N, C-alpha and C. Protein backbone atom coordinates (compact mmCIF):
# COMPACT_ATOMS: atom_id res chain seq x y z
N MET A 1 6.85 -4.55 3.04
CA MET A 1 8.24 -3.64 3.33
C MET A 1 7.43 -2.13 3.48
N MET A 2 6.08 -2.17 3.13
CA MET A 2 5.59 -0.83 3.62
C MET A 2 5.29 -0.57 4.66
N TYR A 3 4.95 -1.74 5.47
CA TYR A 3 4.83 -1.97 6.97
C TYR A 3 5.77 -1.34 7.66
N ALA A 4 6.86 -2.20 7.38
CA ALA A 4 8.41 -1.99 8.09
C ALA A 4 8.68 -0.78 7.94
N LEU A 5 8.66 -0.01 6.87
CA LEU A 5 8.85 1.71 6.60
C LEU A 5 8.22 2.27 7.51
N SER A 6 6.86 2.25 7.22
CA SER A 6 5.70 3.10 8.32
C SER A 6 6.05 2.84 9.80
N LEU A 7 6.09 1.71 10.20
CA LEU A 7 6.83 1.23 11.57
C LEU A 7 8.19 1.81 12.10
N SER A 8 9.18 1.85 11.19
CA SER A 8 10.10 2.61 11.47
C SER A 8 10.61 3.70 11.73
N LEU A 9 9.44 4.56 11.02
CA LEU A 9 9.12 5.90 10.91
C LEU A 9 8.41 6.29 12.17
N GLU A 10 7.91 5.60 12.66
CA GLU A 10 6.71 6.30 13.73
C GLU A 10 7.57 6.60 15.00
N SER A 11 8.44 5.99 15.43
CA SER A 11 9.08 6.22 16.82
C SER A 11 10.38 5.63 16.91
N GLN A 12 11.32 5.50 17.76
CA GLN A 12 12.31 4.92 17.88
C GLN A 12 11.82 3.40 18.37
N ALA A 13 10.83 3.02 18.96
CA ALA A 13 10.21 2.07 19.62
C ALA A 13 10.01 1.37 18.24
N GLY A 14 9.50 1.65 17.43
CA GLY A 14 8.88 1.12 16.09
C GLY A 14 9.76 1.03 15.25
N PHE A 15 10.93 1.89 15.20
CA PHE A 15 12.29 1.47 14.44
C PHE A 15 12.93 0.18 14.81
N ASN A 16 12.98 0.04 16.38
CA ASN A 16 13.52 -1.36 16.84
C ASN A 16 12.87 -2.39 16.42
N GLU A 17 11.70 -2.26 16.62
CA GLU A 17 10.32 -3.25 16.32
C GLU A 17 10.93 -3.83 14.96
N ALA A 18 10.99 -2.81 13.78
CA ALA A 18 11.09 -3.10 12.54
C ALA A 18 12.32 -3.76 12.26
N ALA A 19 13.68 -3.32 13.00
CA ALA A 19 14.58 -4.03 12.73
C ALA A 19 14.92 -5.60 13.30
N GLU A 20 14.41 -5.40 14.39
CA GLU A 20 14.51 -6.77 15.13
C GLU A 20 13.44 -7.67 13.77
N MET A 21 12.14 -7.20 13.41
CA MET A 21 11.41 -8.18 12.43
C MET A 21 12.13 -8.68 11.21
N LEU A 22 13.06 -7.66 10.60
CA LEU A 22 13.64 -8.09 9.80
C LEU A 22 15.00 -8.80 9.85
N GLN A 23 15.58 -8.81 11.41
CA GLN A 23 16.71 -9.63 11.64
C GLN A 23 16.41 -10.91 12.08
N GLU A 24 14.88 -11.42 12.38
CA GLU A 24 14.51 -12.73 12.76
C GLU A 24 13.55 -13.23 12.18
N SER A 25 13.02 -12.64 11.37
CA SER A 25 11.76 -13.25 10.37
C SER A 25 12.04 -13.73 8.98
N PHE A 26 11.70 -15.22 8.85
CA PHE A 26 12.28 -15.63 7.80
C PHE A 26 11.59 -15.02 6.59
N LEU A 27 10.37 -14.69 6.82
CA LEU A 27 9.54 -14.17 5.53
C LEU A 27 10.03 -12.79 5.16
N ALA A 28 10.36 -12.02 6.16
CA ALA A 28 10.80 -10.74 5.80
C ALA A 28 12.30 -10.89 5.14
N LYS A 29 12.95 -11.64 5.64
CA LYS A 29 14.36 -11.78 4.98
C LYS A 29 14.33 -12.24 3.43
N LEU A 30 13.08 -13.05 3.31
CA LEU A 30 12.81 -13.56 1.78
C LEU A 30 12.40 -12.50 0.95
N ILE A 31 11.39 -11.60 1.75
CA ILE A 31 10.85 -10.42 0.94
C ILE A 31 11.88 -9.57 0.53
N ALA A 32 12.70 -9.29 1.54
CA ALA A 32 14.03 -8.30 1.40
C ALA A 32 14.86 -8.95 0.08
N TRP A 33 15.24 -9.99 0.05
CA TRP A 33 15.80 -10.84 -0.84
C TRP A 33 15.26 -10.69 -2.38
N GLY A 34 14.22 -11.11 -2.39
CA GLY A 34 13.20 -10.87 -3.66
C GLY A 34 13.76 -9.30 -4.02
N LEU A 35 13.04 -8.33 -3.09
CA LEU A 35 13.07 -7.12 -3.90
C LEU A 35 14.69 -6.90 -4.02
N VAL A 36 15.36 -6.96 -3.08
CA VAL A 36 17.17 -6.69 -3.73
C VAL A 36 17.46 -7.32 -5.01
N SER A 37 16.71 -8.64 -5.05
CA SER A 37 17.44 -9.45 -6.54
C SER A 37 16.70 -8.60 -7.63
N ALA A 38 15.15 -8.59 -7.48
CA ALA A 38 14.75 -7.61 -8.65
C ALA A 38 15.34 -6.29 -9.20
N LEU A 39 15.76 -5.47 -7.98
CA LEU A 39 16.10 -4.42 -8.32
C LEU A 39 17.58 -4.70 -8.84
N LEU A 40 18.57 -5.40 -8.39
CA LEU A 40 19.83 -5.87 -9.31
C LEU A 40 19.70 -6.41 -10.52
N TYR A 41 18.68 -6.94 -11.14
CA TYR A 41 18.30 -7.74 -12.29
C TYR A 41 18.41 -6.28 -13.21
N HIS A 42 17.26 -5.62 -12.45
CA HIS A 42 16.86 -4.65 -13.53
C HIS A 42 17.88 -3.43 -13.55
N PHE A 43 18.96 -3.22 -12.44
CA PHE A 43 20.00 -2.23 -12.85
C PHE A 43 20.70 -2.93 -13.87
N PHE A 44 21.49 -4.30 -13.67
CA PHE A 44 22.38 -4.50 -14.65
C PHE A 44 21.35 -4.70 -16.33
N ALA A 45 19.99 -4.99 -16.19
CA ALA A 45 19.40 -4.96 -17.83
C ALA A 45 19.34 -3.59 -18.14
N GLY A 46 19.47 -2.61 -17.37
CA GLY A 46 19.26 -1.11 -17.65
C GLY A 46 20.35 -0.87 -18.12
N ILE A 47 21.58 -1.40 -17.76
CA ILE A 47 23.09 -0.63 -18.14
C ILE A 47 23.17 -1.57 -19.65
N LYS A 48 22.79 -2.57 -19.44
CA LYS A 48 22.59 -3.48 -21.23
C LYS A 48 22.30 -2.63 -21.96
N HIS A 49 20.83 -2.15 -21.89
CA HIS A 49 19.87 -1.49 -22.46
C HIS A 49 20.93 -0.06 -22.97
N LEU A 50 21.37 0.79 -22.09
CA LEU A 50 22.00 1.70 -22.41
C LEU A 50 23.06 1.50 -23.18
N VAL A 51 23.99 0.58 -23.17
CA VAL A 51 25.18 0.11 -23.91
C VAL A 51 24.46 -0.19 -25.43
N MET A 52 23.31 -0.68 -25.54
CA MET A 52 22.71 -0.99 -26.77
C MET A 52 22.51 0.22 -27.30
N ASP A 53 21.68 0.98 -26.48
CA ASP A 53 21.41 2.55 -27.20
C ASP A 53 22.53 3.30 -27.87
N MET A 54 23.76 3.37 -27.32
CA MET A 54 24.87 3.78 -27.66
C MET A 54 25.56 2.99 -28.65
N GLY A 55 24.94 2.06 -29.43
CA GLY A 55 25.10 1.39 -30.97
C GLY A 55 25.83 0.17 -30.67
N HIS A 56 26.24 -0.27 -29.46
CA HIS A 56 27.34 -1.20 -29.46
C HIS A 56 26.55 -2.50 -29.08
N CYS A 57 26.69 -4.03 -29.30
CA CYS A 57 25.91 -4.93 -29.31
C CYS A 57 24.51 -5.18 -29.86
N GLU A 58 24.33 -4.57 -30.80
CA GLU A 58 22.94 -4.25 -31.72
C GLU A 58 22.92 -5.88 -32.57
N GLU A 59 23.89 -6.58 -32.83
CA GLU A 59 23.52 -7.60 -33.77
C GLU A 59 23.70 -8.67 -32.95
N ILE A 60 22.44 -9.76 -33.79
CA ILE A 60 21.96 -10.91 -33.03
C ILE A 60 22.88 -11.56 -32.06
N GLU A 61 24.23 -11.76 -32.56
CA GLU A 61 25.02 -12.77 -32.06
C GLU A 61 25.62 -11.90 -30.64
N SER A 62 26.03 -10.68 -30.93
CA SER A 62 26.56 -9.91 -29.80
C SER A 62 25.34 -9.45 -28.94
N GLY A 63 24.21 -9.43 -29.22
CA GLY A 63 22.91 -8.88 -28.27
C GLY A 63 22.80 -10.43 -27.66
N ARG A 64 23.14 -11.27 -28.09
CA ARG A 64 22.83 -12.60 -27.36
C ARG A 64 23.92 -12.70 -26.29
N MET A 65 25.19 -12.44 -26.62
CA MET A 65 26.15 -12.69 -25.62
C MET A 65 25.97 -11.58 -24.31
N ALA A 66 25.68 -10.51 -24.83
CA ALA A 66 25.32 -9.17 -23.87
C ALA A 66 24.08 -9.72 -22.75
N ALA A 67 23.14 -10.36 -23.51
CA ALA A 67 22.26 -10.99 -22.57
C ALA A 67 22.54 -12.22 -21.55
N LYS A 68 23.29 -12.84 -22.25
CA LYS A 68 23.98 -13.94 -21.20
C LYS A 68 24.97 -13.50 -20.10
N VAL A 69 25.69 -12.57 -20.55
CA VAL A 69 26.83 -11.69 -19.48
C VAL A 69 25.77 -11.11 -18.42
N THR A 70 24.89 -10.34 -18.91
CA THR A 70 23.82 -9.48 -17.85
C THR A 70 23.19 -10.93 -16.71
N LEU A 71 22.73 -11.81 -17.67
CA LEU A 71 22.29 -12.73 -16.53
C LEU A 71 23.28 -13.53 -15.85
N ILE A 72 24.78 -13.50 -15.93
CA ILE A 72 25.66 -14.22 -14.94
C ILE A 72 25.82 -13.04 -13.91
N ILE A 73 25.89 -11.81 -14.32
CA ILE A 73 26.58 -10.82 -13.55
C ILE A 73 25.26 -10.50 -12.65
N ALA A 74 23.98 -10.52 -12.85
CA ALA A 74 22.83 -10.52 -12.08
C ALA A 74 22.86 -11.71 -11.51
N GLY A 75 22.96 -12.81 -11.91
CA GLY A 75 22.84 -13.98 -10.89
C GLY A 75 23.70 -13.72 -9.86
N VAL A 76 25.40 -13.57 -9.90
CA VAL A 76 26.26 -13.89 -9.07
C VAL A 76 25.81 -12.48 -7.87
N SER A 77 25.56 -11.24 -8.83
CA SER A 77 25.12 -10.44 -7.58
C SER A 77 23.99 -10.60 -6.74
N ILE A 78 23.13 -11.51 -7.12
CA ILE A 78 21.76 -11.88 -6.45
C ILE A 78 22.44 -13.02 -5.36
N LEU A 79 23.14 -13.87 -5.84
CA LEU A 79 23.95 -14.67 -4.80
C LEU A 79 24.52 -13.73 -3.52
N LEU A 80 25.26 -12.94 -4.23
CA LEU A 80 26.10 -12.00 -3.15
C LEU A 80 24.93 -11.36 -2.11
N ALA A 81 23.96 -11.03 -3.05
CA ALA A 81 22.85 -10.13 -2.07
C ALA A 81 22.32 -11.16 -1.05
N GLY A 82 22.17 -12.52 -1.48
CA GLY A 82 21.58 -13.25 -0.60
C GLY A 82 22.26 -13.63 0.70
N VAL A 83 23.73 -13.59 0.57
CA VAL A 83 24.85 -14.01 1.50
C VAL A 83 24.54 -12.83 2.62
N TRP A 84 24.32 -11.48 1.94
CA TRP A 84 24.13 -10.16 2.58
C TRP A 84 23.13 -10.10 3.63
N VAL A 85 21.92 -10.68 3.03
CA VAL A 85 20.37 -10.66 3.64
C VAL A 85 20.36 -11.51 4.63
N TRP A 86 21.01 -12.95 4.31
CA TRP A 86 20.81 -14.02 5.44
C TRP A 86 22.08 -13.92 6.44
C-alpha cells in the first residue's frame, strides 16, 4: 500500500496507474480489504474499551456480552467493507 501511495503522489500518470492497479489486481484488493478490516475491528474494540473506561460493562458477564457485540458489529462491518472493496 505504501508503494501505491508513493506511486499515486508522483504524478497524474502515477495516480492513474495506482488506481488501475487497485481496481484490477486481486492481491491489491485483498490487501486493501485486510487493512480496512483491521482498522474496523480496532475502531469498534476501541469504542468498547472507552465504554469500559467510563465504568460500564466491567463485570464478567456484561464484559463478555460487550465482547460478543463488538465481534458481531465488527464482523458485519468487515463484510460490508468487503462488498465495497470487491
